[in-house]
Structures are given as structure tokens and as C-alpha cells.
Amino acid sequence: MRRPRDYDAEMKLLADKVKALQDRKLRELGQLVAATGADALGIDVLAGVLVHAAATTDMVQREEWRRAGAAFFLRGKHADGAAKDTVRRAPAPRSQEPAAGAAGAG
């Protein structure tokens, strides 16, 4: 005779898997914020940007953001697909002087 299924145990297992996936998602979002340098923004600024992005229905804008995001992830990969260990550096300050050969330079 077949052994009856333990639905309670199966439901607990599924609930544990859901919790683990939610924890992983939260951890990866935090890592993404740090990897992009957005952790340097104030929490209110970051929240405002995310709220604005979530509310945007402009598909052209979303496509631009999607492309920028895809490019970000591609920058962090070697040709063989393995992630490289990169150190995020602050951008070099821009010079206020015009470039040589530019209009007004002399």
C-alpha cells in the first residue's frame, strides 16, 4: 500500500524555498546597488530614483535603461563569460581647460 503524502511537510519545504529565494533576491539587489556605485547616493535620492523608475511607463526610456543595464553586466565579464574582479574607482576630475585644438584655445 502507498504511503500517504505529507502535505504539511511539502508546504513547509516550499515555504522555506520561497524564503531562501526572497533572501537571495534582497542580497543580490544590495550587491547590485554597491556594484553600480549607487550606494554613494543618499538613501532618499536612491529611493526617489527607484520610485520614479518603477512608475515610468515610457517604453523608450525603459529600453534605454535596459540597454545601459545590459552594458553594465557585459562590462564585468571576460570573453569566456567568467566574471572578473573589478575595483570601482571614482571618475577622474574633469579639467576646466579646453582641449588643445578646441575653439577658443590658444
PDB file of N, CA and C in Angstrom:
ATOM      1  N   MET A   1       0.830  -1.165   0.000  1.00  0.00           N
ATOM      2  CA  MET A   1       0.000   0.000   0.000  1.00  0.00           C
ATOM      3  C   MET A   1       0.890   1.249   0.000  1.00  0.00           C
ATOM      4  N   ARG A   2       0.457   2.272  -0.682  1.00  0.00           N
ATOM      5  CA  ARG A   2       1.226   3.504  -0.800  1.00  0.00           C
ATOM      6  C   ARG A   2       1.176   4.297   0.497  1.00  0.00           C
ATOM      7  N   ARG A   3       2.272   4.918   0.761  1.00  0.00           N
ATOM      8  CA  ARG A   3       2.344   5.770   1.940  1.00  0.00           C
ATOM      9  C   ARG A   3       1.676   7.109   1.600  1.00  0.00           C
ATOM     10  N   PRO A   4       0.850   7.647   2.487  1.00  0.00           N
ATOM     11  CA  PRO A   4       0.183   8.926   2.205  1.00  0.00           C
ATOM     12  C   PRO A   4       1.202  10.070   2.168  1.00  0.00           C
ATOM     13  N   ARG A   5       0.900  11.054   1.348  1.00  0.00           N
ATOM     14  CA  ARG A   5       1.781  12.214   1.226  1.00  0.00           C
ATOM     15  C   ARG A   5       1.654  13.095   2.455  1.00  0.00           C
ATOM     16  N   ASP A   6       2.758  13.655   2.852  1.00  0.00           N
ATOM     17  CA  ASP A   6       2.771  14.567   3.985  1.00  0.00           C
ATOM     18  C   ASP A   6       2.711  15.988   3.424  1.00  0.00           C
ATOM     19  N   TYR A   7       1.494  16.482   3.230  1.00  0.00           N
ATOM     20  CA  TYR A   7       1.301  17.802   2.630  1.00  0.00           C
ATOM     21  C   TYR A   7       1.873  18.922   3.494  1.00  0.00           C
ATOM     22  N   ASP A   8       1.777  18.773   4.795  1.00  0.00           N
ATOM     23  CA  ASP A   8       2.323  19.796   5.685  1.00  0.00           C
ATOM     24  C   ASP A   8       3.831  19.929   5.507  1.00  0.00           C
ATOM     25  N   ALA A   9       4.528  18.815   5.400  1.00  0.00           N
ATOM     26  CA  ALA A   9       5.981  18.844   5.217  1.00  0.00           C
ATOM     27  C   ALA A   9       6.337  19.445   3.855  1.00  0.00           C
ATOM     28  N   GLU A  10       5.551  19.101   2.831  1.00  0.00           N
ATOM     29  CA  GLU A  10       5.800  19.648   1.499  1.00  0.00           C
ATOM     30  C   GLU A  10       5.564  21.165   1.479  1.00  0.00           C
ATOM     31  N   MET A  11       4.513  21.618   2.152  1.00  0.00           N
ATOM     32  CA  MET A  11       4.230  23.051   2.224  1.00  0.00           C
ATOM     33  C   MET A  11       5.333  23.785   2.985  1.00  0.00           C
ATOM     34  N   LYS A  12       5.825  23.185   4.060  1.00  0.00           N
ATOM     35  CA  LYS A  12       6.921  23.798   4.818  1.00  0.00           C
ATOM     36  C   LYS A  12       8.168  23.881   3.960  1.00  0.00           C
ATOM     37  N   LEU A  13       8.467  22.840   3.199  1.00  0.00           N
ATOM     38  CA  LEU A  13       9.630  22.843   2.325  1.00  0.00           C
ATOM     39  C   LEU A  13       9.512  23.946   1.272  1.00  0.00           C
ATOM     40  N   LEU A  14       8.333  24.077   0.677  1.00  0.00           N
ATOM     41  CA  LEU A  14       8.111  25.125  -0.319  1.00  0.00           C
ATOM     42  C   LEU A  14       8.221  26.517   0.304  1.00  0.00           C
ATOM     43  N   ALA A  15       7.680  26.685   1.500  1.00  0.00           N
ATOM     44  CA  ALA A  15       7.777  27.975   2.186  1.00  0.00           C
ATOM     45  C   ALA A  15       9.232  28.315   2.492  1.00  0.00           C
ATOM     46  N   ASP A  16      10.021  27.316   2.866  1.00  0.00           N
ATOM     47  CA  ASP A  16      11.446  27.540   3.128  1.00  0.00           C
ATOM     48  C   ASP A  16      12.175  27.938   1.849  1.00  0.00           C
ATOM     49  N   LYS A  17      11.810  27.319   0.719  1.00  0.00           N
ATOM     50  CA  LYS A  17      12.422  27.671  -0.564  1.00  0.00           C
ATOM     51  C   LYS A  17      12.064  29.098  -0.960  1.00  0.00           C
ATOM     52  N   VAL A  18      10.811  29.500  -0.749  1.00  0.00           N
ATOM     53  CA  VAL A  18      10.382  30.863  -1.065  1.00  0.00           C
ATOM     54  C   VAL A  18      11.176  31.855  -0.226  1.00  0.00           C
ATOM     55  N   LYS A  19      11.326  31.588   1.060  1.00  0.00           N
ATOM     56  CA  LYS A  19      12.082  32.476   1.946  1.00  0.00           C
ATOM     57  C   LYS A  19      13.534  32.577   1.499  1.00  0.00           C
ATOM     58  N   ALA A  20      14.137  31.461   1.127  1.00  0.00           N
ATOM     59  CA  ALA A  20      15.529  31.467   0.671  1.00  0.00           C
ATOM     60  C   ALA A  20      15.676  32.286  -0.612  1.00  0.00           C
ATOM     61  N   LEU A  21      14.724  32.156  -1.533  1.00  0.00           N
ATOM     62  CA  LEU A  21      14.773  32.925  -2.774  1.00  0.00           C
ATOM     63  C   LEU A  21      14.596  34.415  -2.516  1.00  0.00           C
ATOM     64  N   GLN A  22      13.697  34.770  -1.606  1.00  0.00           N
ATOM     65  CA  GLN A  22      13.497  36.178  -1.262  1.00  0.00           C
ATOM     66  C   GLN A  22      14.750  36.765  -0.612  1.00  0.00           C
ATOM     67  N   ASP A  23      15.381  35.996   0.269  1.00  0.00           N
ATOM     68  CA  ASP A  23      16.612  36.452   0.916  1.00  0.00           C
ATOM     69  C   ASP A  23      17.721  36.646  -0.120  1.00  0.00           C
ATOM     70  N   ARG A  24      17.814  35.712  -1.053  1.00  0.00           N
ATOM     71  CA  ARG A  24      18.828  35.808  -2.113  1.00  0.00           C
ATOM     72  C   ARG A  24      18.584  37.037  -2.992  1.00  0.00           C
ATOM     73  N   LYS A  25      17.331  37.273  -3.349  1.00  0.00           N
ATOM     74  CA  LYS A  25      16.983  38.429  -4.172  1.00  0.00           C
ATOM     75  C   LYS A  25      17.373  39.724  -3.469  1.00  0.00           C
ATOM     76  N   LEU A  26      17.054  39.822  -2.201  1.00  0.00           N
ATOM     77  CA  LEU A  26      17.382  41.016  -1.426  1.00  0.00           C
ATOM     78  C   LEU A  26      18.893  41.223  -1.341  1.00  0.00           C
ATOM     79  N   ARG A  27      19.623  40.153  -1.096  1.00  0.00           N
ATOM     80  CA  ARG A  27      21.080  40.228  -1.005  1.00  0.00           C
ATOM     81  C   ARG A  27      21.677  40.656  -2.352  1.00  0.00           C
ATOM     82  N   GLU A  28      21.176  40.090  -3.459  1.00  0.00           N
ATOM     83  CA  GLU A  28      21.694  40.430  -4.777  1.00  0.00           C
ATOM     84  C   GLU A  28      21.350  41.870  -5.167  1.00  0.00           C
ATOM     85  N   LEU A  29      20.184  42.366  -4.759  1.00  0.00           N
ATOM     86  CA  LEU A  29      19.854  43.769  -5.017  1.00  0.00           C
ATOM     87  C   LEU A  29      20.808  44.694  -4.275  1.00  0.00           C
ATOM     88  N   GLY A  30      21.137  44.345  -3.052  1.00  0.00           N
ATOM     89  CA  GLY A  30      22.106  45.128  -2.291  1.00  0.00           C
ATOM     90  C   GLY A  30      23.478  45.116  -2.952  1.00  0.00           C
ATOM     91  N   GLN A  31      23.880  43.951  -3.458  1.00  0.00           N
ATOM     92  CA  GLN A  31      25.162  43.850  -4.151  1.00  0.00           C
ATOM     93  C   GLN A  31      25.145  44.678  -5.433  1.00  0.00           C
ATOM     94  N   LEU A  32      24.014  44.703  -6.121  1.00  0.00           N
ATOM     95  CA  LEU A  32      23.891  45.485  -7.344  1.00  0.00           C
ATOM     96  C   LEU A  32      24.006  46.984  -7.050  1.00  0.00           C
ATOM     97  N   VAL A  33      23.371  47.430  -5.988  1.00  0.00           N
ATOM     98  CA  VAL A  33      23.457  48.836  -5.599  1.00  0.00           C
ATOM     99  C   VAL A  33      24.918  49.196  -5.332  1.00  0.00           C
ATOM    100  N   ALA A  34      25.631  48.342  -4.624  1.00  0.00           N
ATOM    101  CA  ALA A  34      27.035  48.611  -4.320  1.00  0.00           C
ATOM    102  C   ALA A  34      27.898  48.548  -5.582  1.00  0.00           C
ATOM    103  N   ALA A  35      27.648  47.576  -6.440  1.00  0.00           N
ATOM    104  CA  ALA A  35      28.470  47.407  -7.648  1.00  0.00           C
ATOM    105  C   ALA A  35      28.318  48.569  -8.618  1.00  0.00           C
ATOM    106  N   THR A  36      27.147  49.180  -8.663  1.00  0.00           N
ATOM    107  CA  THR A  36      26.927  50.296  -9.573  1.00  0.00           C
ATOM    108  C   THR A  36      27.410  51.618  -9.002  1.00  0.00           C
ATOM    109  N   GLY A  37      27.742  51.622  -7.729  1.00  0.00           N
ATOM    110  CA  GLY A  37      28.163  52.859  -7.084  1.00  0.00           C
ATOM    111  C   GLY A  37      26.995  53.659  -6.545  1.00  0.00           C
ATOM    112  N   ALA A  38      25.792  53.137  -6.670  1.00  0.00           N
ATOM    113  CA  ALA A  38      24.607  53.855  -6.198  1.00  0.00           C
ATOM    114  C   ALA A  38      24.552  53.922  -4.678  1.00  0.00           C
ATOM    115  N   ASP A  39      25.386  53.146  -4.004  1.00  0.00           N
ATOM    116  CA  ASP A  39      25.412  53.225  -2.541  1.00  0.00           C
ATOM    117  C   ASP A  39      26.017  54.547  -2.063  1.00  0.00           C
ATOM    118  N   ALA A  40      26.636  55.285  -2.973  1.00  0.00           N
ATOM    119  CA  ALA A  40      27.169  56.607  -2.622  1.00  0.00           C
ATOM    120  C   ALA A  40      26.069  57.664  -2.602  1.00  0.00           C
ATOM    121  N   LEU A  41      24.931  57.356  -3.211  1.00  0.00           N
ATOM    122  CA  LEU A  41      23.797  58.281  -3.187  1.00  0.00           C
ATOM    123  C   LEU A  41      23.144  58.245  -1.808  1.00  0.00           C
ATOM    124  N   GLY A  42      22.493  59.320  -1.460  1.00  0.00           N
ATOM    125  CA  GLY A  42      21.725  59.320  -0.225  1.00  0.00           C
ATOM    126  C   GLY A  42      20.547  58.354  -0.367  1.00  0.00           C
ATOM    127  N   ILE A  43      20.088  57.816   0.732  1.00  0.00           N
ATOM    128  CA  ILE A  43      19.005  56.836   0.702  1.00  0.00           C
ATOM    129  C   ILE A  43      17.727  57.451   0.129  1.00  0.00           C
ATOM    130  N   ASP A  44      17.492  58.741   0.413  1.00  0.00           N
ATOM    131  CA  ASP A  44      16.300  59.388  -0.121  1.00  0.00           C
ATOM    132  C   ASP A  44      16.406  59.582  -1.630  1.00  0.00           C
ATOM    133  N   VAL A  45      17.608  59.891  -2.118  1.00  0.00           N
ATOM    134  CA  VAL A  45      17.815  60.043  -3.565  1.00  0.00           C
ATOM    135  C   VAL A  45      17.634  58.694  -4.260  1.00  0.00           C
ATOM    136  N   LEU A  46      18.249  57.659  -3.713  1.00  0.00           N
ATOM    137  CA  LEU A  46      18.138  56.326  -4.302  1.00  0.00           C
ATOM    138  C   LEU A  46      16.682  55.861  -4.312  1.00  0.00           C
ATOM    139  N   ALA A  47      15.969  56.080  -3.227  1.00  0.00           N
ATOM    140  CA  ALA A  47      14.556  55.707  -3.171  1.00  0.00           C
ATOM    141  C   ALA A  47      13.759  56.491  -4.210  1.00  0.00           C
ATOM    142  N   GLY A  48      14.038  57.785  -4.357  1.00  0.00           N
ATOM    143  CA  GLY A  48      13.334  58.596  -5.342  1.00  0.00           C
ATOM    144  C   GLY A  48      13.575  58.116  -6.761  1.00  0.00           C
ATOM    145  N   VAL A  49      14.818  57.765  -7.060  1.00  0.00           N
ATOM    146  CA  VAL A  49      15.142  57.256  -8.396  1.00  0.00           C
ATOM    147  C   VAL A  49      14.394  55.956  -8.666  1.00  0.00           C
ATOM    148  N   LEU A  50      14.383  55.072  -7.699  1.00  0.00           N
ATOM    149  CA  LEU A  50      13.703  53.782  -7.880  1.00  0.00           C
ATOM    150  C   LEU A  50      12.192  53.947  -8.012  1.00  0.00           C
ATOM    151  N   VAL A  51      11.615  54.838  -7.211  1.00  0.00           N
ATOM    152  CA  VAL A  51      10.174  55.094  -7.306  1.00  0.00           C
ATOM    153  C   VAL A  51       9.840  55.650  -8.685  1.00  0.00           C
ATOM    154  N   HIS A  52      10.657  56.607  -9.161  1.00  0.00           N
ATOM    155  CA  HIS A  52      10.437  57.195 -10.484  1.00  0.00           C
ATOM    156  C   HIS A  52      10.570  56.128 -11.580  1.00  0.00           C
ATOM    157  N   ALA A  53      11.590  55.287 -11.479  1.00  0.00           N
ATOM    158  CA  ALA A  53      11.800  54.246 -12.486  1.00  0.00           C
ATOM    159  C   ALA A  53      10.638  53.247 -12.493  1.00  0.00           C
ATOM    160  N   ALA A  54      10.159  52.886 -11.310  1.00  0.00           N
ATOM    161  CA  ALA A  54       9.060  51.919 -11.234  1.00  0.00           C
ATOM    162  C   ALA A  54       7.765  52.499 -11.796  1.00  0.00           C
ATOM    163  N   ALA A  55       7.593  53.822 -11.678  1.00  0.00           N
ATOM    164  CA  ALA A  55       6.356  54.459 -12.135  1.00  0.00           C
ATOM    165  C   ALA A  55       6.406  54.836 -13.619  1.00  0.00           C
ATOM    166  N   THR A  56       7.589  54.787 -14.220  1.00  0.00           N
ATOM    167  CA  THR A  56       7.733  55.209 -15.613  1.00  0.00           C
ATOM    168  C   THR A  56       7.053  54.220 -16.549  1.00  0.00           C
ATOM    169  N   THR A  57       6.222  54.755 -17.425  1.00  0.00           N
ATOM    170  CA  THR A  57       5.572  53.922 -18.437  1.00  0.00           C
ATOM    171  C   THR A  57       6.133  54.205 -19.822  1.00  0.00           C
ATOM    172  N   ASP A  58       7.071  55.145 -19.915  1.00  0.00           N
ATOM    173  CA  ASP A  58       7.706  55.493 -21.181  1.00  0.00           C
ATOM    174  C   ASP A  58       8.594  54.323 -21.622  1.00  0.00           C
ATOM    175  N   MET A  59       8.156  53.623 -22.649  1.00  0.00           N
ATOM    176  CA  MET A  59       8.874  52.429 -23.086  1.00  0.00           C
ATOM    177  C   MET A  59      10.223  52.767 -23.711  1.00  0.00           C
ATOM    178  N   VAL A  60      10.355  53.939 -24.311  1.00  0.00           N
ATOM    179  CA  VAL A  60      11.638  54.348 -24.879  1.00  0.00           C
ATOM    180  C   VAL A  60      12.653  54.530 -23.757  1.00  0.00           C
ATOM    181  N   GLN A  61      12.228  55.198 -22.684  1.00  0.00           N
ATOM    182  CA  GLN A  61      13.115  55.403 -21.537  1.00  0.00           C
ATOM    183  C   GLN A  61      13.496  54.065 -20.911  1.00  0.00           C
ATOM    184  N   ARG A  62      12.529  53.188 -20.760  1.00  0.00           N
ATOM    185  CA  ARG A  62      12.818  51.873 -20.173  1.00  0.00           C
ATOM    186  C   ARG A  62      13.804  51.087 -21.033  1.00  0.00           C
ATOM    187  N   GLU A  63      13.662  51.196 -22.349  1.00  0.00           N
ATOM    188  CA  GLU A  63      14.583  50.493 -23.249  1.00  0.00           C
ATOM    189  C   GLU A  63      15.992  51.059 -23.104  1.00  0.00           C
ATOM    190  N   GLU A  64      16.116  52.369 -22.971  1.00  0.00           N
ATOM    191  CA  GLU A  64      17.436  52.976 -22.740  1.00  0.00           C
ATOM    192  C   GLU A  64      18.038  52.452 -21.436  1.00  0.00           C
ATOM    193  N   TRP A  65      17.236  52.388 -20.393  1.00  0.00           N
ATOM    194  CA  TRP A  65      17.720  51.874 -19.108  1.00  0.00           C
ATOM    195  C   TRP A  65      18.111  50.404 -19.228  1.00  0.00           C
ATOM    196  N   ARG A  66      17.318  49.637 -19.981  1.00  0.00           N
ATOM    197  CA  ARG A  66      17.620  48.216 -20.162  1.00  0.00           C
ATOM    198  C   ARG A  66      18.959  48.040 -20.852  1.00  0.00           C
ATOM    199  N   ARG A  67      19.192  48.835 -21.907  1.00  0.00           N
ATOM    200  CA  ARG A  67      20.464  48.745 -22.632  1.00  0.00           C
ATOM    201  C   ARG A  67      21.635  49.126 -21.739  1.00  0.00           C
ATOM    202  N   ALA A  68      21.460  50.179 -20.961  1.00  0.00           N
ATOM    203  CA  ALA A  68      22.529  50.598 -20.050  1.00  0.00           C
ATOM    204  C   ALA A  68      22.808  49.508 -19.015  1.00  0.00           C
ATOM    205  N   GLY A  69      21.763  48.875 -18.529  1.00  0.00           N
ATOM    206  CA  GLY A  69      21.938  47.793 -17.562  1.00  0.00           C
ATOM    207  C   GLY A  69      22.629  46.588 -18.173  1.00  0.00           C
ATOM    208  N   ALA A  70      22.236  46.233 -19.389  1.00  0.00           N
ATOM    209  CA  ALA A  70      22.875  45.106 -20.070  1.00  0.00           C
ATOM    210  C   ALA A  70      24.348  45.403 -20.310  1.00  0.00           C
ATOM    211  N   ALA A  71      24.654  46.639 -20.711  1.00  0.00           N
ATOM    212  CA  ALA A  71      26.051  47.022 -20.939  1.00  0.00           C
ATOM    213  C   ALA A  71      26.844  46.945 -19.638  1.00  0.00           C
ATOM    214  N   PHE A  72      26.228  47.328 -18.523  1.00  0.00           N
ATOM    215  CA  PHE A  72      26.895  47.249 -17.227  1.00  0.00           C
ATOM    216  C   PHE A  72      27.297  45.813 -16.919  1.00  0.00           C
ATOM    217  N   PHE A  73      26.386  44.879 -17.142  1.00  0.00           N
ATOM    218  CA  PHE A  73      26.689  43.485 -16.841  1.00  0.00           C
ATOM    219  C   PHE A  73      27.699  42.906 -17.811  1.00  0.00           C
ATOM    220  N   LEU A  74      27.684  43.338 -19.062  1.00  0.00           N
ATOM    221  CA  LEU A  74      28.653  42.838 -20.036  1.00  0.00           C
ATOM    222  C   LEU A  74      30.054  43.367 -19.752  1.00  0.00           C
ATOM    223  N   ARG A  75      30.159  44.585 -19.210  1.00  0.00           N
ATOM    224  CA  ARG A  75      31.466  45.147 -18.856  1.00  0.00           C
ATOM    225  C   ARG A  75      32.165  44.309 -17.812  1.00  0.00           C
ATOM    226  N   GLY A  76      31.421  43.649 -16.959  1.00  0.00           N
ATOM    227  CA  GLY A  76      32.013  42.889 -15.862  1.00  0.00           C
ATOM    228  C   GLY A  76      32.345  41.459 -16.215  1.00  0.00           C
ATOM    229  N   LYS A  77      32.341  41.111 -17.506  1.00  0.00           N
ATOM    230  CA  LYS A  77      32.609  39.725 -17.896  1.00  0.00           C
ATOM    231  C   LYS A  77      33.801  39.662 -18.836  1.00  0.00           C
ATOM    232  N   HIS A  78      34.580  38.588 -18.706  1.00  0.00           N
ATOM    233  CA  HIS A  78      35.649  38.306 -19.662  1.00  0.00           C
ATOM    234  C   HIS A  78      35.030  37.695 -20.903  1.00  0.00           C
ATOM    235  N   ALA A  79      35.805  37.522 -21.932  1.00  0.00           N
ATOM    236  CA  ALA A  79      35.323  36.910 -23.171  1.00  0.00           C
ATOM    237  C   ALA A  79      34.822  35.489 -22.928  1.00  0.00           C
ATOM    238  N   ASP A  80      35.416  34.786 -21.951  1.00  0.00           N
ATOM    239  CA  ASP A  80      34.982  33.413 -21.681  1.00  0.00           C
ATOM    240  C   ASP A  80      33.732  33.346 -20.815  1.00  0.00           C
ATOM    241  N   GLY A  81      33.203  34.520 -20.415  1.00  0.00           N
ATOM    242  CA  GLY A  81      31.963  34.549 -19.642  1.00  0.00           C
ATOM    243  C   GLY A  81      32.174  34.544 -18.143  1.00  0.00           C
ATOM    244  N   ALA A  82      33.414  34.381 -17.695  1.00  0.00           N
ATOM    245  CA  ALA A  82      33.681  34.378 -16.259  1.00  0.00           C
ATOM    246  C   ALA A  82      33.721  35.806 -15.754  1.00  0.00           C
ATOM    247  N   ALA A  83      33.142  36.027 -14.609  1.00  0.00           N
ATOM    248  CA  ALA A  83      33.134  37.378 -14.035  1.00  0.00           C
ATOM    249  C   ALA A  83      34.543  37.749 -13.632  1.00  0.00           C
ATOM    250  N   LYS A  84      34.899  39.006 -13.897  1.00  0.00           N
ATOM    251  CA  LYS A  84      36.216  39.462 -13.472  1.00  0.00           C
ATOM    252  C   LYS A  84      36.063  40.266 -12.193  1.00  0.00           C
ATOM    253  N   ASP A  85      37.116  40.280 -11.422  1.00  0.00           N
ATOM    254  CA  ASP A  85      37.109  41.007 -10.155  1.00  0.00           C
ATOM    255  C   ASP A  85      37.516  42.438 -10.447  1.00  0.00           C
ATOM    256  N   THR A  86      36.561  43.355 -10.424  1.00  0.00           N
ATOM    257  CA  THR A  86      36.860  44.739 -10.745  1.00  0.00           C
ATOM    258  C   THR A  86      36.763  45.597  -9.501  1.00  0.00           C
ATOM    259  N   VAL A  87      37.573  46.614  -9.461  1.00  0.00           N
ATOM    260  CA  VAL A  87      37.524  47.587  -8.380  1.00  0.00           C
ATOM    261  C   VAL A  87      36.918  48.845  -8.951  1.00  0.00           C
ATOM    262  N   ARG A  88      35.887  49.333  -8.328  1.00  0.00           N
ATOM    263  CA  ARG A  88      35.219  50.542  -8.809  1.00  0.00           C
ATOM    264  C   ARG A  88      36.013  51.751  -8.340  1.00  0.00           C
ATOM    265  N   ARG A  89      36.374  52.587  -9.285  1.00  0.00           N
ATOM    266  CA  ARG A  89      37.128  53.790  -8.964  1.00  0.00           C
ATOM    267  C   ARG A  89      36.284  55.006  -9.286  1.00  0.00           C
ATOM    268  N   ALA A  90      36.515  56.075  -8.527  1.00  0.00           N
ATOM    269  CA  ALA A  90      35.815  57.328  -8.796  1.00  0.00           C
ATOM    270  C   ALA A  90      36.335  57.887 -10.115  1.00  0.00           C
ATOM    271  N   PRO A  91      35.470  58.516 -10.906  1.00  0.00           N
ATOM    272  CA  PRO A  91      35.932  59.087 -12.164  1.00  0.00           C
ATOM    273  C   PRO A  91      36.922  60.209 -11.908  1.00  0.00           C
ATOM    274  N   ALA A  92      37.882  60.349 -12.824  1.00  0.00           N
ATOM    275  CA  ALA A  92      38.886  61.410 -12.695  1.00  0.00           C
ATOM    276  C   ALA A  92      38.205  62.752 -12.857  1.00  0.00           C
ATOM    277  N   PRO A  93      38.627  63.756 -12.086  1.00  0.00           N
ATOM    278  CA  PRO A  93      38.001  65.073 -12.221  1.00  0.00           C
ATOM    279  C   PRO A  93      38.275  65.641 -13.607  1.00  0.00           C
ATOM    280  N   ARG A  94      37.275  66.307 -14.168  1.00  0.00           N
ATOM    281  CA  ARG A  94      37.416  66.895 -15.493  1.00  0.00           C
ATOM    282  C   ARG A  94      38.169  68.214 -15.395  1.00  0.00           C
ATOM    283  N   SER A  95      39.007  68.443 -16.363  1.00  0.00           N
ATOM    284  CA  SER A  95      39.751  69.698 -16.415  1.00  0.00           C
ATOM    285  C   SER A  95      38.831  70.795 -16.913  1.00  0.00           C
ATOM    286  N   GLN A  96      38.968  71.975 -16.361  1.00  0.00           N
ATOM    287  CA  GLN A  96      38.160  73.109 -16.788  1.00  0.00           C
ATOM    288  C   GLN A  96      38.749  73.790 -18.017  1.00  0.00           C
ATOM    289  N   GLU A  97      39.975  73.385 -18.419  1.00  0.00           N
ATOM    290  CA  GLU A  97      40.618  73.978 -19.559  1.00  0.00           C
ATOM    291  C   GLU A  97      40.137  73.313 -20.841  1.00  0.00           C
ATOM    292  N   PRO A  98      39.981  74.090 -21.947  1.00  0.00           N
ATOM    293  CA  PRO A  98      39.574  73.466 -23.200  1.00  0.00           C
ATOM    294  C   PRO A  98      40.692  72.591 -23.740  1.00  0.00           C
ATOM    295  N   ALA A  99      40.301  71.573 -24.465  1.00  0.00           N
ATOM    296  CA  ALA A  99      41.275  70.651 -25.046  1.00  0.00           C
ATOM    297  C   ALA A  99      42.068  71.372 -26.124  1.00  0.00           C
ATOM    298  N   ALA A 100      43.300  70.905 -26.341  1.00  0.00           N
ATOM    299  CA  ALA A 100      44.150  71.512 -27.366  1.00  0.00           C
ATOM    300  C   ALA A 100      43.470  71.393 -28.717  1.00  0.00           C
ATOM    301  N   GLY A 101      43.455  72.460 -29.472  1.00  0.00           N
ATOM    302  CA  GLY A 101      42.839  72.442 -30.789  1.00  0.00           C
ATOM    303  C   GLY A 101      41.367  72.772 -30.763  1.00  0.00           C
ATOM    304  N   ALA A 102      40.789  72.922 -29.561  1.00  0.00           N
ATOM    305  CA  ALA A 102      39.374  73.244 -29.456  1.00  0.00           C
ATOM    306  C   ALA A 102      39.179  74.729 -29.720  1.00  0.00           C
ATOM    307  N   ALA A 103      37.986  75.094 -30.104  1.00  0.00           N
ATOM    308  CA  ALA A 103      37.690  76.503 -30.387  1.00  0.00           C
ATOM    309  C   ALA A 103      37.945  77.332 -29.137  1.00  0.00           C
ATOM    310  N   GLY A 104      38.640  78.444 -29.295  1.00  0.00           N
ATOM    311  CA  GLY A 104      38.927  79.318 -28.160  1.00  0.00           C
ATOM    312  C   GLY A 104      40.231  78.986 -27.482  1.00  0.00           C
ATOM    313  N   ALA A 105      40.867  77.874 -27.844  1.00  0.00           N
ATOM    314  CA  ALA A 105      42.144  77.525 -27.221  1.00  0.00           C
ATOM    315  C   ALA A 105      43.243  78.313 -27.906  1.00  0.00           C
ATOM    316  N   GLY A 106      44.175  78.763 -27.167  1.00  0.00           N
ATOM    317  CA  GLY A 106      45.169  79.489 -27.901  1.00  0.00           C
ATOM    318  C   GLY A 106      46.319  79.843 -27.147  1.00  0.00           C
TER     319      GLY A 106
END
